[in-house]
Each structure stands twice: as structure tokens, then as C-alpha cells.
């Protein structure tokens, strides 16, 4: 994985679980849920076939399965990952979730 700084770091499923786990604090998300999400993200990244991938791409790969898992955790993660800096950013994300709810909420 290539970090924003340009440094290389090996892909870590544990790091995904840790990062997403912070967004899931206090939410009804189990360790098994986090492990499945991390596995899904890893499978998507490996299916890409690239030997190196930017950290940004890993973040993008996390967003959709997290959105399906828990919308509040998704908003928390997206707010940091996408650098929300105003209430408008949150309102837009919430509007999008309401207009296109995850399959788990339909």
C-alpha cells in the first residue's frame, strides 16, 4: 500500500479492522462483522491485480461495505476519510443515504 506521504506499507487486514472499528464504537457491529468487512475489502483489492495500491483506494473500497453494515459508522468513517468540514457535507451524505438506502435497510 502506498500512503499519502509516498511511503510504502504492506497491506494489513488488522489495520482495516482497527480503523473501521473506531467508526463502529458503540454500534451493533461485532468483531466477526469487522473481520468479514476486512476480508471483503482485501478480496476486492486483490481482484484489482495491482501489486501496489494507494491508501486512498483502500478507503474507497471500505466505504460501500461499511455503508451496508452500519450507516452511522459509515458517516463517521466517511466524515474523516472524505474530510467533511461543514454541516453541509453531513447533510449531503445523510440525504444521499435517505434517497439511496443500503440494501440492508430496504
PDB file of N, CA and C in Angstrom:
ATOM      1  N   UNK A   1       0.852  -1.158   0.000  1.00  0.00           N
ATOM      2  CA  UNK A   1       0.000   0.000   0.000  1.00  0.00           C
ATOM      3  C   UNK A   1       0.903   1.229   0.000  1.00  0.00           C
ATOM      4  N   UNK A   2       0.513   2.209  -0.780  1.00  0.00           N
ATOM      5  CA  UNK A   2       1.267   3.456  -0.832  1.00  0.00           C
ATOM      6  C   UNK A   2       0.482   4.512  -0.062  1.00  0.00           C
ATOM      7  N   UNK A   3       1.103   5.023   0.989  1.00  0.00           N
ATOM      8  CA  UNK A   3       0.440   6.028   1.815  1.00  0.00           C
ATOM      9  C   UNK A   3       0.496   7.393   1.134  1.00  0.00           C
ATOM     10  N   UNK A   4      -0.282   8.329   1.653  1.00  0.00           N
ATOM     11  CA  UNK A   4      -0.306   9.680   1.083  1.00  0.00           C
ATOM     12  C   UNK A   4       1.074  10.322   1.070  1.00  0.00           C
ATOM     13  N   UNK A   5       1.889   9.975   2.057  1.00  0.00           N
ATOM     14  CA  UNK A   5       3.232  10.542   2.149  1.00  0.00           C
ATOM     15  C   UNK A   5       4.173   9.970   1.089  1.00  0.00           C
ATOM     16  N   UNK A   6       3.725   8.899   0.420  1.00  0.00           N
ATOM     17  CA  UNK A   6       4.566   8.236  -0.568  1.00  0.00           C
ATOM     18  C   UNK A   6       5.266   7.008  -0.008  1.00  0.00           C
ATOM     19  N   UNK A   7       5.206   6.835   1.301  1.00  0.00           N
ATOM     20  CA  UNK A   7       5.833   5.675   1.940  1.00  0.00           C
ATOM     21  C   UNK A   7       5.051   4.409   1.599  1.00  0.00           C
ATOM     22  N   UNK A   8       5.772   3.306   1.515  1.00  0.00           N
ATOM     23  CA  UNK A   8       5.153   2.014   1.239  1.00  0.00           C
ATOM     24  C   UNK A   8       4.938   1.268   2.547  1.00  0.00           C
ATOM     25  N   UNK A   9       3.799   0.616   2.658  1.00  0.00           N
ATOM     26  CA  UNK A   9       3.471  -0.168   3.846  1.00  0.00           C
ATOM     27  C   UNK A   9       2.718  -1.407   3.373  1.00  0.00           C
ATOM     28  N   UNK A  10       3.025  -2.586   3.906  1.00  0.00           N
ATOM     29  CA  UNK A  10       2.288  -3.783   3.486  1.00  0.00           C
ATOM     30  C   UNK A  10       0.806  -3.668   3.840  1.00  0.00           C
ATOM     31  N   UNK A  11      -0.040  -4.279   3.015  1.00  0.00           N
ATOM     32  CA  UNK A  11      -1.474  -4.297   3.305  1.00  0.00           C
ATOM     33  C   UNK A  11      -1.702  -5.014   4.616  1.00  0.00           C
ATOM     34  N   UNK A  12      -2.616  -4.488   5.436  1.00  0.00           N
ATOM     35  CA  UNK A  12      -2.892  -5.093   6.735  1.00  0.00           C
ATOM     36  C   UNK A  12      -4.396  -5.145   6.973  1.00  0.00           C
ATOM     37  N   UNK A  13      -4.902  -6.357   7.005  1.00  0.00           N
ATOM     38  CA  UNK A  13      -6.318  -6.554   7.319  1.00  0.00           C
ATOM     39  C   UNK A  13      -6.609  -6.056   8.737  1.00  0.00           C
ATOM     40  N   UNK A  14      -5.648  -6.248   9.631  1.00  0.00           N
ATOM     41  CA  UNK A  14      -5.816  -5.811  11.015  1.00  0.00           C
ATOM     42  C   UNK A  14      -5.957  -4.292  11.100  1.00  0.00           C
ATOM     43  N   UNK A  15      -5.237  -3.585  10.245  1.00  0.00           N
ATOM     44  CA  UNK A  15      -5.321  -2.134  10.243  1.00  0.00           C
ATOM     45  C   UNK A  15      -6.704  -1.662   9.781  1.00  0.00           C
ATOM     46  N   UNK A  16      -7.283  -2.372   8.837  1.00  0.00           N
ATOM     47  CA  UNK A  16      -8.649  -2.060   8.399  1.00  0.00           C
ATOM     48  C   UNK A  16      -9.619  -2.294   9.552  1.00  0.00           C
ATOM     49  N   UNK A  17      -9.484  -3.425  10.207  1.00  0.00           N
ATOM     50  CA  UNK A  17     -10.368  -3.745  11.333  1.00  0.00           C
ATOM     51  C   UNK A  17     -10.237  -2.689  12.417  1.00  0.00           C
ATOM     52  N   UNK A  18      -9.024  -2.270  12.708  1.00  0.00           N
ATOM     53  CA  UNK A  18      -8.799  -1.253  13.730  1.00  0.00           C
ATOM     54  C   UNK A  18      -9.423   0.088  13.343  1.00  0.00           C
ATOM     55  N   UNK A  19      -9.173   0.535  12.114  1.00  0.00           N
ATOM     56  CA  UNK A  19      -9.687   1.824  11.665  1.00  0.00           C
ATOM     57  C   UNK A  19     -11.199   1.853  11.579  1.00  0.00           C
ATOM     58  N   UNK A  20     -11.770   0.814  11.001  1.00  0.00           N
ATOM     59  CA  UNK A  20     -13.220   0.754  10.881  1.00  0.00           C
ATOM     60  C   UNK A  20     -13.843   0.522  12.256  1.00  0.00           C
ATOM     61  N   UNK A  21     -13.141  -0.215  13.096  1.00  0.00           N
ATOM     62  CA  UNK A  21     -13.636  -0.462  14.453  1.00  0.00           C
ATOM     63  C   UNK A  21     -13.839   0.817  15.237  1.00  0.00           C
ATOM     64  N   UNK A  22     -12.975   1.796  15.018  1.00  0.00           N
ATOM     65  CA  UNK A  22     -13.144   3.086  15.691  1.00  0.00           C
ATOM     66  C   UNK A  22     -14.438   3.759  15.263  1.00  0.00           C
ATOM     67  N   UNK A  23     -14.757   3.673  13.984  1.00  0.00           N
ATOM     68  CA  UNK A  23     -16.007   4.264  13.483  1.00  0.00           C
ATOM     69  C   UNK A  23     -17.222   3.503  14.003  1.00  0.00           C
ATOM     70  N   UNK A  24     -17.030   2.240  14.381  1.00  0.00           N
ATOM     71  CA  UNK A  24     -18.131   1.389  14.831  1.00  0.00           C
ATOM     72  C   UNK A  24     -18.307   1.369  16.350  1.00  0.00           C
ATOM     73  N   UNK A  25     -17.491   2.131  17.062  1.00  0.00           N
ATOM     74  CA  UNK A  25     -17.606   2.129  18.526  1.00  0.00           C
ATOM     75  C   UNK A  25     -19.021   2.492  18.945  1.00  0.00           C
ATOM     76  N   UNK A  26     -19.572   1.682  19.837  1.00  0.00           N
ATOM     77  CA  UNK A  26     -20.912   1.929  20.348  1.00  0.00           C
ATOM     78  C   UNK A  26     -22.026   1.519  19.398  1.00  0.00           C
ATOM     79  N   UNK A  27     -21.681   0.928  18.277  1.00  0.00           N
ATOM     80  CA  UNK A  27     -22.658   0.494  17.292  1.00  0.00           C
ATOM     81  C   UNK A  27     -22.827  -1.026  17.386  1.00  0.00           C
ATOM     82  N   UNK A  28     -23.955  -1.553  16.917  1.00  0.00           N
ATOM     83  CA  UNK A  28     -24.181  -3.007  16.986  1.00  0.00           C
ATOM     84  C   UNK A  28     -23.428  -3.760  15.887  1.00  0.00           C
ATOM     85  N   UNK A  29     -22.106  -3.633  15.923  1.00  0.00           N
ATOM     86  CA  UNK A  29     -21.236  -4.274  14.935  1.00  0.00           C
ATOM     87  C   UNK A  29     -20.282  -5.188  15.695  1.00  0.00           C
ATOM     88  N   UNK A  30     -20.266  -6.462  15.320  1.00  0.00           N
ATOM     89  CA  UNK A  30     -19.435  -7.435  16.029  1.00  0.00           C
ATOM     90  C   UNK A  30     -18.038  -7.520  15.433  1.00  0.00           C
ATOM     91  N   UNK A  31     -17.156  -8.187  16.158  1.00  0.00           N
ATOM     92  CA  UNK A  31     -15.806  -8.444  15.650  1.00  0.00           C
ATOM     93  C   UNK A  31     -15.876  -9.284  14.377  1.00  0.00           C
ATOM     94  N   UNK A  32     -16.828 -10.212  14.324  1.00  0.00           N
ATOM     95  CA  UNK A  32     -16.999 -11.027  13.116  1.00  0.00           C
ATOM     96  C   UNK A  32     -17.414 -10.163  11.929  1.00  0.00           C
ATOM     97  N   UNK A  33     -18.294  -9.185  12.183  1.00  0.00           N
ATOM     98  CA  UNK A  33     -18.703  -8.263  11.115  1.00  0.00           C
ATOM     99  C   UNK A  33     -17.488  -7.509  10.576  1.00  0.00           C
ATOM    100  N   UNK A  34     -16.647  -7.033  11.479  1.00  0.00           N
ATOM    101  CA  UNK A  34     -15.447  -6.294  11.067  1.00  0.00           C
ATOM    102  C   UNK A  34     -14.491  -7.186  10.290  1.00  0.00           C
ATOM    103  N   UNK A  35     -14.334  -8.426  10.735  1.00  0.00           N
ATOM    104  CA  UNK A  35     -13.447  -9.362  10.044  1.00  0.00           C
ATOM    105  C   UNK A  35     -13.966  -9.650   8.634  1.00  0.00           C
ATOM    106  N   UNK A  36     -15.290  -9.827   8.494  1.00  0.00           N
ATOM    107  CA  UNK A  36     -15.867 -10.069   7.164  1.00  0.00           C
ATOM    108  C   UNK A  36     -15.680  -8.855   6.262  1.00  0.00           C
ATOM    109  N   UNK A  37     -15.879  -7.657   6.806  1.00  0.00           N
ATOM    110  CA  UNK A  37     -15.688  -6.439   6.021  1.00  0.00           C
ATOM    111  C   UNK A  37     -14.241  -6.343   5.546  1.00  0.00           C
ATOM    112  N   UNK A  38     -13.293  -6.587   6.445  1.00  0.00           N
ATOM    113  CA  UNK A  38     -11.873  -6.516   6.086  1.00  0.00           C
ATOM    114  C   UNK A  38     -11.527  -7.561   5.021  1.00  0.00           C
ATOM    115  N   UNK A  39     -12.097  -8.750   5.137  1.00  0.00           N
ATOM    116  CA  UNK A  39     -11.851  -9.790   4.141  1.00  0.00           C
ATOM    117  C   UNK A  39     -12.407  -9.370   2.785  1.00  0.00           C
ATOM    118  N   UNK A  40     -13.604  -8.802   2.778  1.00  0.00           N
ATOM    119  CA  UNK A  40     -14.217  -8.344   1.531  1.00  0.00           C
ATOM    120  C   UNK A  40     -13.372  -7.257   0.874  1.00  0.00           C
ATOM    121  N   UNK A  41     -12.890  -6.323   1.675  1.00  0.00           N
ATOM    122  CA  UNK A  41     -12.040  -5.250   1.148  1.00  0.00           C
ATOM    123  C   UNK A  41     -10.765  -5.835   0.567  1.00  0.00           C
ATOM    124  N   UNK A  42     -10.141  -6.765   1.284  1.00  0.00           N
ATOM    125  CA  UNK A  42      -8.912  -7.390   0.785  1.00  0.00           C
ATOM    126  C   UNK A  42      -9.172  -8.134  -0.526  1.00  0.00           C
ATOM    127  N   UNK A  43     -10.283  -8.850  -0.602  1.00  0.00           N
ATOM    128  CA  UNK A  43     -10.604  -9.583  -1.837  1.00  0.00           C
ATOM    129  C   UNK A  43     -10.794  -8.618  -3.007  1.00  0.00           C
ATOM    130  N   UNK A  44     -11.463  -7.501  -2.769  1.00  0.00           N
ATOM    131  CA  UNK A  44     -11.682  -6.522  -3.836  1.00  0.00           C
ATOM    132  C   UNK A  44     -10.360  -5.915  -4.307  1.00  0.00           C
ATOM    133  N   UNK A  45      -9.487  -5.655  -3.360  1.00  0.00           N
ATOM    134  CA  UNK A  45      -8.196  -5.061  -3.702  1.00  0.00           C
ATOM    135  C   UNK A  45      -7.355  -6.066  -4.486  1.00  0.00           C
ATOM    136  N   UNK A  46      -7.319  -7.306  -4.040  1.00  0.00           N
ATOM    137  CA  UNK A  46      -6.529  -8.336  -4.735  1.00  0.00           C
ATOM    138  C   UNK A  46      -7.097  -8.619  -6.126  1.00  0.00           C
ATOM    139  N   UNK A  47      -8.418  -8.528  -6.275  1.00  0.00           N
ATOM    140  CA  UNK A  47      -9.045  -8.759  -7.575  1.00  0.00           C
ATOM    141  C   UNK A  47      -8.630  -7.685  -8.582  1.00  0.00           C
ATOM    142  N   UNK A  48      -8.231  -6.529  -8.073  1.00  0.00           N
ATOM    143  CA  UNK A  48      -7.755  -5.436  -8.917  1.00  0.00           C
ATOM    144  C   UNK A  48      -6.504  -5.857  -9.675  1.00  0.00           C
ATOM    145  N   UNK A  49      -5.681  -6.701  -9.048  1.00  0.00           N
ATOM    146  CA  UNK A  49      -4.488  -7.229  -9.697  1.00  0.00           C
ATOM    147  C   UNK A  49      -3.252  -6.361  -9.594  1.00  0.00           C
ATOM    148  N   UNK A  50      -3.378  -5.167  -9.059  1.00  0.00           N
ATOM    149  CA  UNK A  50      -2.223  -4.268  -8.940  1.00  0.00           C
ATOM    150  C   UNK A  50      -1.312  -4.749  -7.810  1.00  0.00           C
ATOM    151  N   UNK A  51      -0.015  -4.638  -8.021  1.00  0.00           N
ATOM    152  CA  UNK A  51       0.928  -5.056  -6.983  1.00  0.00           C
ATOM    153  C   UNK A  51       1.016  -4.021  -5.868  1.00  0.00           C
ATOM    154  N   UNK A  52       0.716  -2.769  -6.200  1.00  0.00           N
ATOM    155  CA  UNK A  52       0.693  -1.714  -5.187  1.00  0.00           C
ATOM    156  C   UNK A  52      -0.578  -0.900  -5.376  1.00  0.00           C
ATOM    157  N   UNK A  53      -1.138  -0.472  -4.271  1.00  0.00           N
ATOM    158  CA  UNK A  53      -2.376   0.300  -4.320  1.00  0.00           C
ATOM    159  C   UNK A  53      -2.260   1.460  -3.347  1.00  0.00           C
ATOM    160  N   UNK A  54      -2.825   2.571  -3.713  1.00  0.00           N
ATOM    161  CA  UNK A  54      -2.767   3.739  -2.845  1.00  0.00           C
ATOM    162  C   UNK A  54      -3.751   3.582  -1.692  1.00  0.00           C
ATOM    163  N   UNK A  55      -3.384   4.149  -0.555  1.00  0.00           N
ATOM    164  CA  UNK A  55      -4.227   4.084   0.638  1.00  0.00           C
ATOM    165  C   UNK A  55      -5.619   4.646   0.337  1.00  0.00           C
ATOM    166  N   UNK A  56      -5.678   5.656  -0.515  1.00  0.00           N
ATOM    167  CA  UNK A  56      -6.958   6.258  -0.892  1.00  0.00           C
ATOM    168  C   UNK A  56      -7.895   5.216  -1.502  1.00  0.00           C
ATOM    169  N   UNK A  57      -7.354   4.330  -2.318  1.00  0.00           N
ATOM    170  CA  UNK A  57      -8.165   3.289  -2.952  1.00  0.00           C
ATOM    171  C   UNK A  57      -8.691   2.295  -1.921  1.00  0.00           C
ATOM    172  N   UNK A  58      -7.906   2.038  -0.896  1.00  0.00           N
ATOM    173  CA  UNK A  58      -8.365   1.144   0.169  1.00  0.00           C
ATOM    174  C   UNK A  58      -9.528   1.799   0.899  1.00  0.00           C
ATOM    175  N   UNK A  59      -9.407   3.091   1.174  1.00  0.00           N
ATOM    176  CA  UNK A  59     -10.506   3.813   1.817  1.00  0.00           C
ATOM    177  C   UNK A  59     -11.776   3.748   0.998  1.00  0.00           C
ATOM    178  N   UNK A  60     -11.657   3.911  -0.309  1.00  0.00           N
ATOM    179  CA  UNK A  60     -12.822   3.811  -1.183  1.00  0.00           C
ATOM    180  C   UNK A  60     -13.432   2.415  -1.141  1.00  0.00           C
ATOM    181  N   UNK A  61     -12.573   1.405  -1.070  1.00  0.00           N
ATOM    182  CA  UNK A  61     -13.051   0.021  -1.022  1.00  0.00           C
ATOM    183  C   UNK A  61     -13.770  -0.283   0.289  1.00  0.00           C
ATOM    184  N   UNK A  62     -13.479   0.474   1.332  1.00  0.00           N
ATOM    185  CA  UNK A  62     -14.118   0.278   2.634  1.00  0.00           C
ATOM    186  C   UNK A  62     -15.511   0.902   2.669  1.00  0.00           C
ATOM    187  N   UNK A  63     -15.692   2.015   2.003  1.00  0.00           N
ATOM    188  CA  UNK A  63     -16.918   2.797   2.159  1.00  0.00           C
ATOM    189  C   UNK A  63     -18.205   2.024   1.847  1.00  0.00           C
ATOM    190  N   UNK A  64     -18.281   1.372   0.715  1.00  0.00           N
ATOM    191  CA  UNK A  64     -19.544   0.709   0.343  1.00  0.00           C
ATOM    192  C   UNK A  64     -19.920  -0.435   1.279  1.00  0.00           C
ATOM    193  N   UNK A  65     -19.006  -1.371   1.595  1.00  0.00           N
ATOM    194  CA  UNK A  65     -19.420  -2.429   2.528  1.00  0.00           C
ATOM    195  C   UNK A  65     -19.740  -1.881   3.925  1.00  0.00           C
ATOM    196  N   UNK A  66     -19.065  -0.813   4.332  1.00  0.00           N
ATOM    197  CA  UNK A  66     -19.372  -0.220   5.630  1.00  0.00           C
ATOM    198  C   UNK A  66     -20.747   0.433   5.589  1.00  0.00           C
ATOM    199  N   UNK A  67     -21.088   1.042   4.480  1.00  0.00           N
ATOM    200  CA  UNK A  67     -22.414   1.653   4.299  1.00  0.00           C
ATOM    201  C   UNK A  67     -23.502   0.596   4.461  1.00  0.00           C
ATOM    202  N   UNK A  68     -23.258  -0.597   3.927  1.00  0.00           N
ATOM    203  CA  UNK A  68     -24.213  -1.703   4.056  1.00  0.00           C
ATOM    204  C   UNK A  68     -24.265  -2.249   5.480  1.00  0.00           C
ATOM    205  N   UNK A  69     -23.137  -2.223   6.164  1.00  0.00           N
ATOM    206  CA  UNK A  69     -23.051  -2.784   7.513  1.00  0.00           C
ATOM    207  C   UNK A  69     -23.726  -1.891   8.550  1.00  0.00           C
ATOM    208  N   UNK A  70     -23.406  -0.585   8.531  1.00  0.00           N
ATOM    209  CA  UNK A  70     -23.942   0.318   9.550  1.00  0.00           C
ATOM    210  C   UNK A  70     -23.821   1.756   9.051  1.00  0.00           C
ATOM    211  N   UNK A  71     -24.947   2.411   8.847  1.00  0.00           N
ATOM    212  CA  UNK A  71     -24.920   3.746   8.250  1.00  0.00           C
ATOM    213  C   UNK A  71     -24.289   4.795   9.156  1.00  0.00           C
ATOM    214  N   UNK A  72     -24.437   4.652  10.460  1.00  0.00           N
ATOM    215  CA  UNK A  72     -23.824   5.626  11.368  1.00  0.00           C
ATOM    216  C   UNK A  72     -22.307   5.476  11.334  1.00  0.00           C
ATOM    217  N   UNK A  73     -21.819   4.253  11.380  1.00  0.00           N
ATOM    218  CA  UNK A  73     -20.375   4.022  11.285  1.00  0.00           C
ATOM    219  C   UNK A  73     -19.861   4.517   9.932  1.00  0.00           C
ATOM    220  N   UNK A  74     -20.654   4.309   8.886  1.00  0.00           N
ATOM    221  CA  UNK A  74     -20.296   4.814   7.557  1.00  0.00           C
ATOM    222  C   UNK A  74     -20.122   6.327   7.591  1.00  0.00           C
ATOM    223  N   UNK A  75     -21.081   7.038   8.175  1.00  0.00           N
ATOM    224  CA  UNK A  75     -20.978   8.503   8.259  1.00  0.00           C
ATOM    225  C   UNK A  75     -19.754   8.925   9.054  1.00  0.00           C
ATOM    226  N   UNK A  76     -19.479   8.230  10.138  1.00  0.00           N
ATOM    227  CA  UNK A  76     -18.293   8.552  10.951  1.00  0.00           C
ATOM    228  C   UNK A  76     -17.013   8.366  10.128  1.00  0.00           C
ATOM    229  N   UNK A  77     -16.907   7.208   9.480  1.00  0.00           N
ATOM    230  CA  UNK A  77     -15.711   6.907   8.690  1.00  0.00           C
ATOM    231  C   UNK A  77     -15.586   7.878   7.528  1.00  0.00           C
ATOM    232  N   UNK A  78     -16.683   8.092   6.809  1.00  0.00           N
ATOM    233  CA  UNK A  78     -16.664   8.981   5.651  1.00  0.00           C
ATOM    234  C   UNK A  78     -16.329  10.412   6.051  1.00  0.00           C
ATOM    235  N   UNK A  79     -16.778  10.832   7.226  1.00  0.00           N
ATOM    236  CA  UNK A  79     -16.506  12.210   7.643  1.00  0.00           C
ATOM    237  C   UNK A  79     -15.015  12.454   7.829  1.00  0.00           C
ATOM    238  N   UNK A  80     -14.298  11.458   8.284  1.00  0.00           N
ATOM    239  CA  UNK A  80     -12.849  11.576   8.434  1.00  0.00           C
ATOM    240  C   UNK A  80     -12.162  11.324   7.094  1.00  0.00           C
ATOM    241  N   UNK A  81     -12.543  10.231   6.452  1.00  0.00           N
ATOM    242  CA  UNK A  81     -11.892   9.839   5.202  1.00  0.00           C
ATOM    243  C   UNK A  81     -12.087  10.884   4.104  1.00  0.00           C
ATOM    244  N   UNK A  82     -13.297  11.419   4.017  1.00  0.00           N
ATOM    245  CA  UNK A  82     -13.608  12.388   2.963  1.00  0.00           C
ATOM    246  C   UNK A  82     -13.436  13.836   3.413  1.00  0.00           C
ATOM    247  N   UNK A  83     -12.892  14.010   4.610  1.00  0.00           N
ATOM    248  CA  UNK A  83     -12.604  15.349   5.143  1.00  0.00           C
ATOM    249  C   UNK A  83     -13.821  16.264   5.161  1.00  0.00           C
ATOM    250  N   UNK A  84     -14.926  15.773   5.730  1.00  0.00           N
ATOM    251  CA  UNK A  84     -16.082  16.648   5.880  1.00  0.00           C
ATOM    252  C   UNK A  84     -15.643  17.839   6.714  1.00  0.00           C
ATOM    253  N   UNK A  85     -15.987  19.030   6.268  1.00  0.00           N
ATOM    254  CA  UNK A  85     -15.590  20.201   7.043  1.00  0.00           C
ATOM    255  C   UNK A  85     -16.737  21.169   7.284  1.00  0.00           C
ATOM    256  N   UNK A  86     -17.961  20.721   7.012  1.00  0.00           N
ATOM    257  CA  UNK A  86     -19.111  21.577   7.289  1.00  0.00           C
ATOM    258  C   UNK A  86     -20.346  20.714   7.527  1.00  0.00           C
ATOM    259  N   UNK A  87     -21.363  21.338   8.085  1.00  0.00           N
ATOM    260  CA  UNK A  87     -22.628  20.632   8.266  1.00  0.00           C
ATOM    261  C   UNK A  87     -23.235  20.247   6.923  1.00  0.00           C
ATOM    262  N   UNK A  88     -22.979  21.063   5.913  1.00  0.00           N
ATOM    263  CA  UNK A  88     -23.487  20.741   4.571  1.00  0.00           C
ATOM    264  C   UNK A  88     -22.974  19.392   4.092  1.00  0.00           C
ATOM    265  N   UNK A  89     -21.718  19.088   4.392  1.00  0.00           N
ATOM    266  CA  UNK A  89     -21.157  17.792   3.989  1.00  0.00           C
ATOM    267  C   UNK A  89     -21.935  16.642   4.629  1.00  0.00           C
ATOM    268  N   UNK A  90     -22.239  16.775   5.931  1.00  0.00           N
ATOM    269  CA  UNK A  90     -23.019  15.749   6.624  1.00  0.00           C
ATOM    270  C   UNK A  90     -24.440  15.680   6.064  1.00  0.00           C
ATOM    271  N   UNK A  91     -25.048  16.839   5.864  1.00  0.00           N
ATOM    272  CA  UNK A  91     -26.409  16.867   5.327  1.00  0.00           C
ATOM    273  C   UNK A  91     -26.483  16.213   3.956  1.00  0.00           C
ATOM    274  N   UNK A  92     -25.493  16.473   3.120  1.00  0.00           N
ATOM    275  CA  UNK A  92     -25.464  15.857   1.790  1.00  0.00           C
ATOM    276  C   UNK A  92     -25.323  14.338   1.887  1.00  0.00           C
ATOM    277  N   UNK A  93     -24.462  13.883   2.785  1.00  0.00           N
ATOM    278  CA  UNK A  93     -24.272  12.445   2.959  1.00  0.00           C
ATOM    279  C   UNK A  93     -25.544  11.792   3.503  1.00  0.00           C
ATOM    280  N   UNK A  94     -26.189  12.436   4.450  1.00  0.00           N
ATOM    281  CA  UNK A  94     -27.429  11.896   5.013  1.00  0.00           C
ATOM    282  C   UNK A  94     -28.531  11.885   3.951  1.00  0.00           C
ATOM    283  N   UNK A  95     -28.624  12.945   3.170  1.00  0.00           N
ATOM    284  CA  UNK A  95     -29.612  12.995   2.090  1.00  0.00           C
ATOM    285  C   UNK A  95     -29.384  11.842   1.111  1.00  0.00           C
ATOM    286  N   UNK A  96     -28.140  11.608   0.763  1.00  0.00           N
ATOM    287  CA  UNK A  96     -27.811  10.515  -0.150  1.00  0.00           C
ATOM    288  C   UNK A  96     -28.217   9.161   0.442  1.00  0.00           C
ATOM    289  N   UNK A  97     -27.979   8.964   1.739  1.00  0.00           N
ATOM    290  CA  UNK A  97     -28.368   7.715   2.393  1.00  0.00           C
ATOM    291  C   UNK A  97     -29.886   7.548   2.395  1.00  0.00           C
ATOM    292  N   UNK A  98     -30.607   8.646   2.596  1.00  0.00           N
ATOM    293  CA  UNK A  98     -32.076   8.564   2.600  1.00  0.00           C
ATOM    294  C   UNK A  98     -32.628   8.294   1.208  1.00  0.00           C
ATOM    295  N   UNK A  99     -32.024   8.918   0.205  1.00  0.00           N
ATOM    296  CA  UNK A  99     -32.504   8.742  -1.171  1.00  0.00           C
ATOM    297  C   UNK A  99     -32.109   7.375  -1.735  1.00  0.00           C
ATOM    298  N   UNK A 100     -30.975   6.861  -1.308  1.00  0.00           N
ATOM    299  CA  UNK A 100     -30.461   5.565  -1.772  1.00  0.00           C
ATOM    300  C   UNK A 100     -30.029   4.739  -0.582  1.00  0.00           C
ATOM    301  N   UNK A 101     -30.989   4.228   0.190  1.00  0.00           N
ATOM    302  CA  UNK A 101     -30.607   3.475   1.385  1.00  0.00           C
ATOM    303  C   UNK A 101     -29.880   2.186   1.031  1.00  0.00           C
ATOM    304  N   UNK A 102     -29.018   1.743   1.929  1.00  0.00           N
ATOM    305  CA  UNK A 102     -28.336   0.463   1.717  1.00  0.00           C
ATOM    306  C   UNK A 102     -29.363  -0.660   1.620  1.00  0.00           C
ATOM    307  N   UNK A 103     -28.999  -1.720   0.930  1.00  0.00           N
ATOM    308  CA  UNK A 103     -29.889  -2.879   0.772  1.00  0.00           C
ATOM    309  C   UNK A 103     -30.370  -3.398   2.128  1.00  0.00           C
ATOM    310  N   UNK A 104     -29.501  -3.303   3.140  1.00  0.00           N
ATOM    311  CA  UNK A 104     -29.855  -3.833   4.460  1.00  0.00           C
ATOM    312  C   UNK A 104     -30.996  -3.054   5.099  1.00  0.00           C
ATOM    313  N   UNK A 105     -31.286  -1.839   4.615  1.00  0.00           N
ATOM    314  CA  UNK A 105     -32.357  -1.018   5.192  1.00  0.00           C
ATOM    315  C   UNK A 105     -33.603  -0.972   4.334  1.00  0.00           C
ATOM    316  N   UNK A 106     -33.579  -1.599   3.186  1.00  0.00           N
ATOM    317  CA  UNK A 106     -34.752  -1.555   2.294  1.00  0.00           C
ATOM    318  C   UNK A 106     -35.794  -2.561   2.692  1.00  0.00           C
TER     319      UNK A 106
END
